[in-house]
Amino acid sequence: MDNLTTSLAQNLTISLSPADLQATFSNDNNDDDDLGRAPPRMGFNTEPKLCQFILSRRNVTASVPLEIRPSDCSTGSGLFIARDEQDGIEAGREIYRSKPLMLAFDGAGDDGWCHFCGGYFEGYFGGEKRGVRVCSGCGVGRFCSKECQKLAWNRFHKEECKVLKSTPGIKPQSLLAHRLVWFQQKGYITTEQGAVIQGLEAHFDEYTREEGGKTTEVYDVAMAIRDVTGEGREKKIDVGLIWKLVPQLWTNCVRLRGSSSRETVAFALELVTAMINHSCEPNAFAFMEKGEIRVRSLRKIAAGEEITICYIDPTVDVKSRREILMDEHFFECNCARCKDEIETQKRRVAADGETSMATVRQAQISMLDLIKSAAVTACKYPGVYPDFANLTVVESKMNTIMKNAFPNFGWGDDLDPVPMVRLCLSVLYLEQGKPAPALRNGLRGYFARRGGRTGPNAVNILVDIIHVLIAASCLPPDSPVLKDASFPLRVDISNVMYWYLYKACKEAGEVFGGDCEYTKAIGDLFAKMMAGLPAGASRPLEEDFMEELESSLRRVVEWAGVWVYEGA
């Protein structure tokens, strides 16, 4: 047996259906018969040699010493800043960067990434894609060069091409399960790597708790992998081994966003990052840059403190976060942020007197469905759903949902998911060439967001608003919008735009790092805009500019109807 198979083998029995496999692996088996049970899982902190292997790999570069110890926020292990690192790590610093063991891109996400080196080959601020090579066999694989395409073909794409051609919508995590089996067959997986993968949390019992649903999905993926991993039945890997491997990949592949995107663009199996636990109010975040995972601090992390990241989109409402985490990771988050947001909803429900938590939740779902229909359905089927394409109608429906949910108290712009919905509306309005409603919704969403205005999502949102401000500042003199006496003066819009562009440059450097391509792109835009200013014009941070900025910003946000305002 090869390294990975040796690590995973547990005297498993082959069955022919999800129900049979479920029974084989169930913990409800006779107590005297351990055949097929998910073995007891020990934390990595009990295996010093494995911990040392994980943290000392050549493809991991850490700026501070790290430790794997019993987690403070889960029942397993966690990743910590070393206790003897007296100063810890300050906010806005890189904790470590690493090259993933495997990386697969989300077919539903951005296609501007090379599927081999992980480089980004499309401009952050628009422009034509450069040098994209699409695999002619599957039409899914994308590569930045002939060299990357050839290397990918030799390492994994030759086998994956057939899978992607027959199942172009396959989940990235499931594709990585295929790839891991091919890697072990080719001898790419070492004994130590196999031992780490075998010890990763699989939530095996949760995935196979009942027939149908996830049980059937795991079974289908396991059988599909088995069918493409050998030329003869005798060469194919035991489906029982794969049956255990699939949920391990689904559980431990980290979601990766690009620096310029709030959406997941890829999933990666990376052994250090797999040690990090979740918080909805994390002290760090992970993103992808040039094929590497970079983990950076969001606030000061003290020596001996556990590192946490948010496994999902942190901008969604607490109920949605809990539902996603339960569905994908089988736990309900009870971090301080989740508790605070639930209590806020309860207080507002009590203050209104004519609503309930169930009514509020249904209203949240309705608003999310509404904005999804406007952002996805109307764009996918132009002309078929005119009400969803008409954003004025969408806004009116949203306001009606808000009013019906809180007939007395009023929903409030700061109660989720309204900030996110308004930010989505801002982007959609701008795409339709309507900068005035785009600016109004963007500013209301930006100022009303809970959780502060720092971090990766804050930078992305600020860049979206800058695009809107640029469009609004470039309106032609005969634009009907400018005939509205309440619309902000061009000088006010320009002042706010220049200030936010300066803020975006500064915050992108602090959040993503100065060597991040996204930071450089924002800096290039700022330099270009500054170079276009007339001679003698004041610039951000200069005394004359700052004296004028406060009044300009106040006029703009008052026009937008912002009621939660804390200055620039």
Protein backbone atom coordinates (compact mmCIF):
# COMPACT_ATOMS: atom_id res chain seq x y z
CA MET A 1 0.00 0.00 0.00
CA ASP A 2 1.11 3.58 -0.64
CA ASN A 3 1.61 6.18 2.09
CA LEU A 4 -1.86 7.72 2.10
CA THR A 5 -3.67 4.42 1.77
CA THR A 6 -1.62 2.96 4.59
CA SER A 7 -2.52 5.94 6.78
CA LEU A 8 -6.24 5.65 6.04
CA ALA A 9 -6.77 1.89 6.08
CA GLN A 10 -9.04 0.80 8.94
CA ASN A 11 -10.25 -2.73 7.92
CA LEU A 12 -13.11 -1.22 5.94
CA THR A 13 -15.77 -3.29 4.19
CA ILE A 14 -16.96 -2.56 0.63
CA SER A 15 -20.74 -2.15 0.29
CA LEU A 16 -22.84 -1.43 -2.73
CA SER A 17 -25.14 1.40 -1.64
CA PRO A 18 -25.15 4.50 0.57
CA ALA A 19 -27.38 2.67 3.05
CA ASP A 20 -24.98 -0.28 3.27
CA LEU A 21 -21.98 2.00 3.59
CA GLN A 22 -23.76 4.03 6.25
CA ALA A 23 -24.43 0.91 8.26
CA THR A 24 -20.87 -0.27 7.83
CA PHE A 25 -19.40 2.96 9.16
CA SER A 26 -22.06 3.79 11.75
CA ASN A 27 -21.15 4.21 15.40
CA ASP A 28 -24.40 2.36 16.16
CA ASN A 29 -22.74 -0.96 15.33
CA ASN A 30 -22.52 -3.68 17.97
CA ASP A 31 -20.14 -2.62 20.76
CA ASP A 32 -18.14 -5.82 20.27
CA ASP A 33 -17.54 -5.09 16.61
CA ASP A 34 -15.35 -2.10 15.74
CA LEU A 35 -15.37 -2.88 12.01
CA GLY A 36 -15.86 0.29 9.99
CA ARG A 37 -16.28 2.75 12.83
CA ALA A 38 -14.74 6.19 12.51
CA PRO A 39 -11.66 5.79 14.71
CA PRO A 40 -11.31 7.99 17.81
CA ARG A 41 -9.67 11.25 16.77
CA MET A 42 -6.88 12.73 18.83
CA GLY A 43 -5.79 16.35 18.57
CA PHE A 44 -2.58 17.06 16.69
CA ASN A 45 -1.19 18.62 19.85
CA THR A 46 -0.77 15.06 21.19
CA GLU A 47 1.61 14.27 18.33
CA PRO A 48 4.70 16.52 18.72
CA LYS A 49 6.49 15.06 15.70
CA LEU A 50 3.52 15.70 13.42
CA CYS A 51 3.17 19.25 14.78
CA GLN A 52 6.84 19.87 14.09
CA PHE A 53 6.43 18.48 10.57
CA ILE A 54 3.42 20.70 9.84
CA LEU A 55 5.14 23.90 11.01
CA SER A 56 8.61 23.24 9.61
CA ARG A 57 7.76 22.45 6.02
CA ARG A 58 9.86 24.23 3.41
CA ASN A 59 6.86 25.83 1.74
CA VAL A 60 5.81 27.67 4.93
CA THR A 61 7.36 31.04 5.76
CA ALA A 62 6.31 32.42 9.16
CA SER A 63 7.18 35.85 10.53
CA VAL A 64 6.74 34.71 14.14
CA PRO A 65 7.14 31.31 15.84
CA LEU A 66 3.92 29.28 15.80
CA GLU A 67 2.63 26.45 17.95
CA ILE A 68 -0.10 23.80 17.68
CA ARG A 69 -1.84 23.37 21.05
CA PRO A 70 -5.27 22.43 22.44
CA SER A 71 -7.72 24.99 21.07
CA ASP A 72 -9.37 27.63 23.23
CA CYS A 73 -12.46 27.68 20.98
CA SER A 74 -12.98 24.04 19.93
CA THR A 75 -12.49 20.51 21.21
CA GLY A 76 -9.48 19.86 18.96
CA SER A 77 -6.18 21.57 18.29
CA GLY A 78 -5.53 25.13 17.19
CA LEU A 79 -2.75 27.31 15.80
CA PHE A 80 -1.19 29.79 18.24
CA ILE A 81 1.39 32.54 18.34
CA ALA A 82 4.20 30.96 20.34
CA ARG A 83 4.10 31.73 24.05
CA ASP A 84 7.77 32.75 24.10
CA GLU A 85 7.21 35.35 21.37
CA GLN A 86 7.00 38.19 23.89
CA ASP A 87 5.66 40.92 21.58
CA GLY A 88 3.09 38.80 19.75
CA ILE A 89 2.21 40.29 16.39
CA GLU A 90 0.79 43.72 15.62
CA ALA A 91 -2.31 44.44 13.51
CA GLY A 92 -1.80 44.47 9.76
CA ARG A 93 1.16 42.08 9.73
CA GLU A 94 1.77 38.87 7.84
CA ILE A 95 1.70 35.87 10.17
CA TYR A 96 2.80 33.36 7.56
CA ARG A 97 2.53 32.47 3.90
CA SER A 98 2.52 28.99 2.40
CA LYS A 99 2.18 27.07 -0.82
CA PRO A 100 -0.88 24.78 -0.72
CA LEU A 101 -0.49 21.06 -1.12
CA MET A 102 -3.40 21.27 -3.61
CA LEU A 103 -5.47 24.12 -5.03
CA ALA A 104 -8.71 24.00 -7.06
CA PHE A 105 -10.66 26.95 -8.40
CA ASP A 106 -14.37 27.50 -8.06
CA GLY A 107 -15.91 27.13 -11.51
CA ALA A 108 -18.72 29.51 -10.50
CA GLY A 109 -16.25 32.18 -9.41
CA ASP A 110 -13.76 34.41 -11.18
CA ASP A 111 -12.04 32.79 -14.17
CA GLY A 112 -9.11 35.23 -14.09
CA TRP A 113 -6.80 32.86 -12.21
CA CYS A 114 -4.20 30.46 -13.57
CA HIS A 115 -5.23 26.98 -12.46
CA PHE A 116 -1.62 25.90 -12.05
CA CYS A 117 0.44 28.72 -10.55
CA GLY A 118 -2.51 30.57 -8.99
CA GLY A 119 -1.49 33.87 -10.56
CA TYR A 120 -4.09 36.47 -11.49
CA PHE A 121 -4.07 37.53 -15.13
CA GLU A 122 -6.93 40.00 -15.35
CA GLY A 123 -6.72 43.66 -14.39
CA TYR A 124 -8.24 44.59 -11.02
CA PHE A 125 -9.80 47.73 -12.47
CA GLY A 126 -11.04 46.23 -15.71
CA GLY A 127 -9.29 45.70 -19.00
CA GLU A 128 -8.76 42.73 -21.27
CA LYS A 129 -7.59 39.39 -19.99
CA ARG A 130 -3.97 38.78 -20.89
CA GLY A 131 -2.56 35.48 -22.10
CA VAL A 132 -5.44 33.25 -21.06
CA ARG A 133 -5.09 29.70 -22.33
CA VAL A 134 -8.25 27.60 -21.93
CA CYS A 135 -7.95 23.81 -22.03
CA SER A 136 -9.49 22.62 -25.31
CA GLY A 137 -10.38 19.26 -23.78
CA CYS A 138 -12.56 20.28 -20.83
CA GLY A 139 -13.08 24.01 -21.47
CA VAL A 140 -12.64 24.60 -17.73
CA GLY A 141 -8.92 24.68 -17.02
CA ARG A 142 -7.36 28.12 -17.49
CA PHE A 143 -3.66 28.87 -17.58
CA CYS A 144 -1.55 31.98 -17.82
CA SER A 145 1.08 30.48 -20.12
CA LYS A 146 1.93 27.48 -22.24
CA GLU A 147 4.46 26.47 -19.61
CA CYS A 148 1.86 26.45 -16.80
CA GLN A 149 -0.54 24.50 -19.00
CA LYS A 150 2.10 21.86 -19.71
CA LEU A 151 3.16 21.58 -16.06
CA ALA A 152 -0.47 21.26 -14.96
CA TRP A 153 -1.09 18.56 -17.57
CA ASN A 154 1.84 16.48 -16.35
CA ARG A 155 1.06 16.90 -12.65
CA PHE A 156 -2.73 16.59 -12.46
CA HIS A 157 -4.75 18.02 -15.36
CA LYS A 158 -4.31 14.98 -17.65
CA GLU A 159 -6.46 12.97 -15.22
CA GLU A 160 -8.75 15.82 -14.21
CA CYS A 161 -9.56 16.89 -17.77
CA LYS A 162 -11.93 13.95 -18.27
CA VAL A 163 -13.64 14.59 -14.93
CA LEU A 164 -14.10 18.30 -15.67
CA LYS A 165 -15.41 17.54 -19.15
CA SER A 166 -18.04 15.10 -17.86
CA THR A 167 -18.83 17.11 -14.68
CA PRO A 168 -17.92 20.77 -15.31
CA GLY A 169 -19.82 21.90 -12.20
CA ILE A 170 -17.99 19.60 -9.79
CA LYS A 171 -17.28 21.09 -6.36
CA PRO A 172 -13.66 22.20 -5.98
CA GLN A 173 -13.42 20.19 -2.73
CA SER A 174 -14.58 17.05 -4.56
CA LEU A 175 -12.13 17.73 -7.39
CA LEU A 176 -9.37 17.91 -4.78
CA ALA A 177 -10.48 14.54 -3.41
CA HIS A 178 -9.95 13.13 -6.92
CA ARG A 179 -6.58 14.83 -7.12
CA LEU A 180 -5.42 13.55 -3.74
CA VAL A 181 -6.05 9.98 -4.85
CA TRP A 182 -4.08 10.57 -8.06
CA PHE A 183 -1.28 12.23 -6.07
CA GLN A 184 -0.92 9.23 -3.77
CA GLN A 185 -0.92 6.87 -6.76
CA LYS A 186 1.92 8.88 -8.28
CA GLY A 187 3.85 8.93 -5.03
CA TYR A 188 3.49 12.67 -4.44
CA ILE A 189 2.15 12.20 -0.89
CA THR A 190 4.78 11.50 1.78
CA THR A 191 4.24 9.32 4.81
CA GLU A 192 4.12 12.39 7.06
CA GLN A 193 1.61 14.18 4.82
CA GLY A 194 -0.53 11.05 4.74
CA ALA A 195 -0.46 10.85 8.53
CA VAL A 196 -1.56 14.50 8.85
CA ILE A 197 -4.38 14.07 6.33
CA GLN A 198 -5.56 10.92 8.13
CA GLY A 199 -5.72 12.87 11.39
CA LEU A 200 -7.77 15.77 10.04
CA GLU A 201 -11.33 16.19 11.32
CA ALA A 202 -13.79 14.54 8.91
CA HIS A 203 -17.09 14.85 10.81
CA PHE A 204 -17.57 11.36 9.47
CA ASP A 205 -20.49 10.44 11.69
CA GLU A 206 -22.29 13.72 10.90
CA TYR A 207 -21.90 13.27 7.15
CA THR A 208 -23.25 9.72 7.32
CA ARG A 209 -25.86 10.20 10.03
CA GLU A 210 -28.83 9.42 7.80
CA GLU A 211 -29.45 8.03 4.35
CA GLY A 212 -29.91 10.53 1.55
CA GLY A 213 -28.61 14.10 1.44
CA LYS A 214 -24.93 14.25 2.35
CA THR A 215 -24.65 10.46 2.67
CA THR A 216 -25.70 9.97 -0.93
CA GLU A 217 -23.50 12.85 -2.11
CA VAL A 218 -20.43 11.43 -0.35
CA TYR A 219 -21.16 8.00 -1.80
CA ASP A 220 -21.59 9.36 -5.34
CA VAL A 221 -18.30 11.26 -5.16
CA ALA A 222 -16.50 8.23 -3.69
CA MET A 223 -17.76 5.95 -6.46
CA ALA A 224 -16.90 8.53 -9.13
CA ILE A 225 -13.35 8.75 -7.81
CA ARG A 226 -13.04 4.98 -7.73
CA ASP A 227 -14.22 4.73 -11.33
CA VAL A 228 -11.43 6.98 -12.63
CA THR A 229 -8.47 5.91 -10.49
CA GLY A 230 -7.35 2.83 -12.39
CA GLU A 231 -7.60 0.89 -15.63
CA GLY A 232 -8.69 -2.33 -13.98
CA ARG A 233 -10.82 -3.16 -10.97
CA GLU A 234 -7.79 -4.64 -9.22
CA LYS A 235 -5.99 -1.28 -9.51
CA LYS A 236 -8.80 0.81 -8.17
CA ILE A 237 -8.64 2.10 -4.62
CA ASP A 238 -11.01 0.62 -2.05
CA VAL A 239 -14.18 2.73 -2.07
CA GLY A 240 -14.25 2.48 1.72
CA LEU A 241 -11.01 4.43 1.92
CA ILE A 242 -12.35 7.11 -0.38
CA TRP A 243 -15.62 7.15 1.57
CA LYS A 244 -13.64 8.43 4.56
CA LEU A 245 -11.37 10.69 2.52
CA VAL A 246 -14.11 12.75 0.82
CA PRO A 247 -15.59 14.30 4.00
CA GLN A 248 -12.06 15.02 5.23
CA LEU A 249 -11.44 17.13 2.13
CA TRP A 250 -14.84 18.82 2.36
CA THR A 251 -14.20 19.70 6.00
CA ASN A 252 -10.61 20.88 5.82
CA CYS A 253 -10.18 22.60 2.47
CA VAL A 254 -9.92 26.30 3.24
CA ARG A 255 -12.00 28.79 1.25
CA LEU A 256 -9.75 31.30 -0.46
CA ARG A 257 -10.69 34.74 -1.70
CA GLY A 258 -8.51 36.94 -3.81
CA SER A 259 -7.52 40.28 -2.35
CA SER A 260 -9.83 42.14 -4.73
CA SER A 261 -12.81 39.78 -4.30
CA ARG A 262 -15.28 39.18 -1.49
CA GLU A 263 -16.25 35.85 -3.04
CA THR A 264 -14.55 32.47 -2.76
CA VAL A 265 -12.38 31.88 -5.82
CA ALA A 266 -10.64 28.65 -4.78
CA PHE A 267 -10.36 25.90 -2.20
CA ALA A 268 -7.01 24.63 -0.96
CA LEU A 269 -5.68 21.80 1.15
CA GLU A 270 -2.89 23.37 3.19
CA LEU A 271 -1.75 21.68 6.38
CA VAL A 272 -0.91 24.73 8.53
CA THR A 273 -4.11 26.59 7.64
CA ALA A 274 -6.12 23.43 8.35
CA MET A 275 -5.04 23.88 11.99
CA ILE A 276 -6.79 27.28 12.32
CA ASN A 277 -10.21 27.41 13.97
CA HIS A 278 -13.19 29.63 13.21
CA SER A 279 -14.55 32.83 14.69
CA CYS A 280 -17.10 35.25 13.21
CA GLU A 281 -14.97 37.98 14.79
CA PRO A 282 -11.52 36.64 13.90
CA ASN A 283 -8.11 38.12 14.61
CA ALA A 284 -6.70 37.08 11.22
CA PHE A 285 -7.77 36.34 7.66
CA ALA A 286 -6.45 34.28 4.75
CA PHE A 287 -6.34 35.22 1.07
CA MET A 288 -4.60 34.05 -2.08
CA GLU A 289 -1.79 35.93 -3.78
CA LYS A 290 0.30 34.48 -6.63
CA GLY A 291 -0.66 30.93 -5.74
CA GLU A 292 0.22 31.32 -2.05
CA ILE A 293 -2.00 31.41 1.01
CA ARG A 294 -1.23 34.52 3.02
CA VAL A 295 -2.51 34.80 6.57
CA ARG A 296 -2.43 38.29 8.09
CA SER A 297 -3.48 39.77 11.43
CA LEU A 298 -6.59 41.95 11.70
CA ARG A 299 -5.67 43.18 15.18
CA LYS A 300 -2.82 42.71 17.63
CA ILE A 301 -2.47 39.04 18.56
CA ALA A 302 -0.71 38.49 21.88
CA ALA A 303 1.94 35.90 22.56
CA GLY A 304 0.25 32.59 23.34
CA GLU A 305 -3.07 33.68 21.74
CA GLU A 306 -4.91 31.42 19.31
CA ILE A 307 -5.14 32.51 15.67
CA THR A 308 -8.68 32.47 14.23
CA ILE A 309 -10.15 33.13 10.80
CA CYS A 310 -13.74 33.25 9.54
CA TYR A 311 -14.51 30.12 7.53
CA ILE A 312 -17.31 31.86 5.58
CA ASP A 313 -18.32 35.30 4.35
CA PRO A 314 -18.29 37.39 7.55
CA THR A 315 -20.63 40.03 6.09
CA VAL A 316 -23.77 37.87 6.13
CA ASP A 317 -26.26 37.95 9.00
CA VAL A 318 -25.85 35.84 12.12
CA LYS A 319 -28.62 33.35 11.31
CA SER A 320 -27.20 32.72 7.83
CA ARG A 321 -23.69 32.34 9.25
CA ARG A 322 -24.90 29.79 11.79
CA GLU A 323 -26.86 27.86 9.15
CA ILE A 324 -23.86 27.69 6.80
CA LEU A 325 -21.46 26.67 9.57
CA MET A 326 -23.82 23.96 10.78
CA ASP A 327 -24.31 22.65 7.24
CA GLU A 328 -20.63 22.67 6.28
CA HIS A 329 -18.78 22.27 9.59
CA PHE A 330 -21.43 20.85 11.97
CA PHE A 331 -21.23 23.41 14.76
CA GLU A 332 -23.18 26.46 15.88
CA CYS A 333 -20.98 29.48 16.42
CA ASN A 334 -21.46 31.20 19.78
CA CYS A 335 -18.72 33.79 19.53
CA ALA A 336 -19.21 37.22 21.10
CA ARG A 337 -20.29 38.74 17.79
CA CYS A 338 -22.98 36.12 17.17
CA LYS A 339 -24.38 36.53 20.68
CA ASP A 340 -24.39 40.32 20.37
CA GLU A 341 -26.22 40.29 17.03
CA ILE A 342 -28.87 37.88 18.30
CA GLU A 343 -29.41 40.07 21.38
CA THR A 344 -29.70 43.18 19.18
CA GLN A 345 -32.45 41.51 17.15
CA LYS A 346 -34.27 40.45 20.31
CA ARG A 347 -34.16 43.99 21.73
CA ARG A 348 -35.57 45.46 18.54
CA VAL A 349 -38.29 42.83 18.33
CA ALA A 350 -39.27 43.61 21.93
CA ALA A 351 -39.21 47.37 21.25
CA ASP A 352 -41.48 47.05 18.20
CA GLY A 353 -44.09 45.01 20.03
CA GLU A 354 -45.82 43.69 16.88
CA THR A 355 -43.20 41.40 15.38
CA SER A 356 -41.25 38.25 16.26
CA MET A 357 -37.85 36.69 15.66
CA ALA A 358 -39.47 34.30 13.17
CA THR A 359 -40.96 37.22 11.23
CA VAL A 360 -37.61 39.00 11.15
CA ARG A 361 -35.86 35.87 9.91
CA GLN A 362 -38.39 35.37 7.13
CA ALA A 363 -37.94 39.01 6.12
CA GLN A 364 -34.17 38.52 5.99
CA ILE A 365 -34.58 35.49 3.74
CA SER A 366 -36.98 37.42 1.49
CA MET A 367 -34.52 40.32 1.13
CA LEU A 368 -31.65 37.97 0.35
CA ASP A 369 -33.75 36.15 -2.26
CA LEU A 370 -34.76 39.50 -3.74
CA ILE A 371 -31.21 40.82 -4.16
CA LYS A 372 -30.05 37.45 -5.47
CA SER A 373 -32.79 37.56 -8.10
CA ALA A 374 -31.70 41.07 -9.10
CA ALA A 375 -28.00 40.25 -9.16
CA VAL A 376 -28.12 36.78 -10.71
CA THR A 377 -31.47 35.84 -12.25
CA ALA A 378 -32.15 39.14 -14.04
CA CYS A 379 -28.59 39.26 -15.41
CA LYS A 380 -28.63 35.62 -16.52
CA TYR A 381 -31.98 35.96 -18.30
CA PRO A 382 -32.10 39.55 -19.63
CA GLY A 383 -35.60 40.74 -20.43
CA VAL A 384 -37.28 37.69 -18.87
CA TYR A 385 -37.67 39.12 -15.34
CA PRO A 386 -38.25 42.88 -15.79
CA ASP A 387 -39.20 43.46 -12.13
CA PHE A 388 -35.85 42.12 -10.97
CA ALA A 389 -33.97 44.14 -13.59
CA ASN A 390 -35.80 47.31 -12.51
CA LEU A 391 -33.79 48.23 -9.44
CA THR A 392 -36.27 50.93 -8.39
CA VAL A 393 -38.91 48.20 -8.10
CA VAL A 394 -36.43 46.00 -6.20
CA GLU A 395 -35.74 48.82 -3.72
CA SER A 396 -39.46 49.43 -3.27
CA LYS A 397 -40.06 45.74 -2.54
CA MET A 398 -37.19 45.74 -0.06
CA ASN A 399 -38.62 48.75 1.78
CA THR A 400 -42.01 47.02 1.95
CA ILE A 401 -40.44 43.89 3.46
CA MET A 402 -38.64 46.03 6.05
CA LYS A 403 -41.78 47.95 6.96
CA ASN A 404 -43.92 44.82 7.30
CA ALA A 405 -41.34 43.15 9.55
CA PHE A 406 -41.09 46.12 11.94
CA PRO A 407 -44.37 48.04 11.59
CA ASN A 408 -43.64 50.34 14.55
CA PHE A 409 -39.93 50.39 15.28
CA GLY A 410 -38.63 50.43 11.69
CA TRP A 411 -35.95 48.06 10.41
CA GLY A 412 -32.98 50.41 10.45
CA ASP A 413 -30.15 50.46 7.93
CA ASP A 414 -27.73 48.82 10.35
CA LEU A 415 -29.72 45.61 10.89
CA ASP A 416 -28.57 42.75 8.64
CA PRO A 417 -28.85 42.05 5.80
CA VAL A 418 -29.74 45.63 4.80
CA PRO A 419 -26.14 46.97 4.65
CA MET A 420 -25.07 44.13 2.34
CA VAL A 421 -28.21 44.48 0.21
CA ARG A 422 -27.62 48.22 -0.24
CA LEU A 423 -24.00 47.63 -1.22
CA CYS A 424 -25.16 45.07 -3.81
CA LEU A 425 -27.72 47.55 -5.13
CA SER A 426 -24.96 50.14 -5.44
CA VAL A 427 -22.92 47.87 -7.70
CA LEU A 428 -25.99 46.93 -9.78
CA TYR A 429 -27.06 50.55 -10.22
CA LEU A 430 -23.57 51.49 -11.38
CA GLU A 431 -23.61 48.64 -13.91
CA GLN A 432 -26.82 50.17 -15.28
CA GLY A 433 -25.12 53.58 -15.58
CA LYS A 434 -27.04 55.20 -12.71
CA PRO A 435 -24.42 56.73 -10.37
CA ALA A 436 -26.87 58.74 -8.24
CA PRO A 437 -28.83 55.79 -6.74
CA ALA A 438 -25.59 53.80 -6.76
CA LEU A 439 -23.94 56.44 -4.58
CA ARG A 440 -26.93 56.72 -2.24
CA ASN A 441 -27.11 52.97 -1.62
CA GLY A 442 -23.34 52.56 -1.42
CA LEU A 443 -22.89 55.22 1.25
CA ARG A 444 -25.86 54.01 3.30
CA GLY A 445 -24.53 50.46 3.21
CA TYR A 446 -20.97 51.52 4.00
CA PHE A 447 -21.77 53.63 7.04
CA ALA A 448 -24.39 51.26 8.45
CA ARG A 449 -22.30 48.08 8.45
CA ARG A 450 -21.79 46.49 11.83
CA GLY A 451 -18.33 45.35 12.82
CA GLY A 452 -16.36 48.47 11.91
CA ARG A 453 -14.81 49.71 8.71
CA THR A 454 -11.49 47.90 8.72
CA GLY A 455 -10.31 44.62 7.22
CA PRO A 456 -10.35 43.08 3.73
CA ASN A 457 -14.07 43.48 3.08
CA ALA A 458 -13.94 47.13 4.14
CA VAL A 459 -11.20 47.81 1.58
CA ASN A 460 -13.18 46.06 -1.18
CA ILE A 461 -16.35 47.99 -0.32
CA LEU A 462 -14.43 51.27 -0.25
CA VAL A 463 -13.04 50.54 -3.72
CA ASP A 464 -16.60 49.86 -4.97
CA ILE A 465 -17.71 53.25 -3.61
CA ILE A 466 -14.69 54.93 -5.22
CA HIS A 467 -15.84 53.60 -8.59
CA VAL A 468 -19.27 55.11 -7.96
CA LEU A 469 -17.77 58.45 -6.86
CA ILE A 470 -15.60 58.56 -9.98
CA ALA A 471 -18.67 57.96 -12.16
CA ALA A 472 -20.65 60.62 -10.28
CA SER A 473 -17.82 63.16 -10.56
CA CYS A 474 -17.63 62.60 -14.33
CA LEU A 475 -21.31 63.20 -15.10
CA PRO A 476 -21.74 65.45 -18.16
CA PRO A 477 -23.03 68.99 -17.49
CA ASP A 478 -26.38 68.21 -19.15
CA SER A 479 -27.03 65.11 -17.02
CA PRO A 480 -30.57 65.15 -15.56
CA VAL A 481 -29.10 64.20 -12.17
CA LEU A 482 -27.29 67.54 -11.95
CA LYS A 483 -30.57 69.41 -12.38
CA ASP A 484 -31.66 68.09 -9.00
CA ALA A 485 -30.86 70.93 -6.57
CA SER A 486 -30.34 68.47 -3.70
CA PHE A 487 -27.63 66.50 -5.53
CA PRO A 488 -24.14 67.19 -4.12
CA LEU A 489 -21.88 69.63 -5.92
CA ARG A 490 -19.18 68.16 -8.13
CA VAL A 491 -16.48 69.60 -5.85
CA ASP A 492 -17.99 67.81 -2.84
CA ILE A 493 -18.11 64.49 -4.67
CA SER A 494 -14.53 64.95 -5.89
CA ASN A 495 -13.27 65.77 -2.40
CA VAL A 496 -14.87 62.65 -0.96
CA MET A 497 -13.57 60.56 -3.84
CA TYR A 498 -9.96 61.74 -3.40
CA TRP A 499 -10.15 61.16 0.35
CA TYR A 500 -11.60 57.66 0.03
CA LEU A 501 -8.98 56.80 -2.58
CA TYR A 502 -6.26 57.89 -0.16
CA LYS A 503 -7.92 55.83 2.62
CA ALA A 504 -8.14 52.80 0.32
CA CYS A 505 -4.41 53.04 -0.48
CA LYS A 506 -3.47 53.30 3.17
CA GLU A 507 -5.84 50.58 4.39
CA ALA A 508 -5.02 48.16 1.55
CA GLY A 509 -1.35 48.40 2.48
CA GLU A 510 -2.14 47.74 6.13
CA VAL A 511 -4.59 44.92 5.44
CA PHE A 512 -3.08 43.09 2.43
CA GLY A 513 0.53 44.29 2.56
CA GLY A 514 2.50 46.59 0.30
CA ASP A 515 3.65 43.75 -1.99
CA CYS A 516 0.08 42.66 -2.78
CA GLU A 517 -0.89 43.30 -6.41
CA TYR A 518 -4.25 44.70 -5.32
CA THR A 519 -2.55 47.25 -3.07
CA LYS A 520 -0.27 48.24 -5.95
CA ALA A 521 -3.23 48.62 -8.31
CA ILE A 522 -5.06 50.93 -5.88
CA GLY A 523 -1.84 52.91 -5.41
CA ASP A 524 -1.40 53.26 -9.18
CA LEU A 525 -4.95 54.59 -9.51
CA PHE A 526 -4.37 57.07 -6.68
CA ALA A 527 -1.13 58.29 -8.29
CA LYS A 528 -2.89 58.68 -11.63
CA MET A 529 -5.74 60.68 -10.09
CA MET A 530 -3.34 62.91 -8.17
CA ALA A 531 -1.30 63.54 -11.30
CA GLY A 532 -4.47 64.76 -13.03
CA LEU A 533 -5.18 67.46 -10.45
CA PRO A 534 -4.65 71.06 -11.59
CA ALA A 535 -1.46 72.77 -10.46
CA GLY A 536 -1.87 74.26 -7.01
CA ALA A 537 -4.89 72.12 -6.08
CA SER A 538 -4.83 70.80 -2.51
CA ARG A 539 -4.34 67.10 -1.87
CA PRO A 540 -5.44 64.68 0.88
CA LEU A 541 -3.82 65.45 4.27
CA GLU A 542 -2.91 68.99 3.24
CA GLU A 543 -4.44 71.59 5.55
CA ASP A 544 -6.67 73.28 2.94
CA PHE A 545 -8.04 69.93 1.74
CA MET A 546 -8.81 68.63 5.23
CA GLU A 547 -10.62 71.86 6.17
CA GLU A 548 -12.90 71.47 3.14
CA LEU A 549 -13.32 67.70 3.39
CA GLU A 550 -15.47 67.58 6.53
CA SER A 551 -18.17 69.85 5.11
CA SER A 552 -18.06 68.06 1.73
CA LEU A 553 -18.41 64.65 3.31
CA ARG A 554 -21.26 65.79 5.53
CA ARG A 555 -23.18 67.26 2.58
CA VAL A 556 -22.73 64.07 0.55
CA VAL A 557 -23.81 61.66 3.32
CA GLU A 558 -26.77 63.84 4.33
CA TRP A 559 -27.95 63.81 0.71
CA ALA A 560 -27.60 60.00 0.72
CA GLY A 561 -29.83 59.74 3.81
CA VAL A 562 -27.14 58.24 6.02
CA TRP A 563 -28.41 58.16 9.60
CA VAL A 564 -25.46 56.30 11.14
CA TYR A 565 -22.56 58.71 10.59
CA GLU A 566 -19.25 58.72 12.43
CA GLY A 567 -17.20 61.11 10.33
CA ALA A 568 -14.69 60.37 7.57
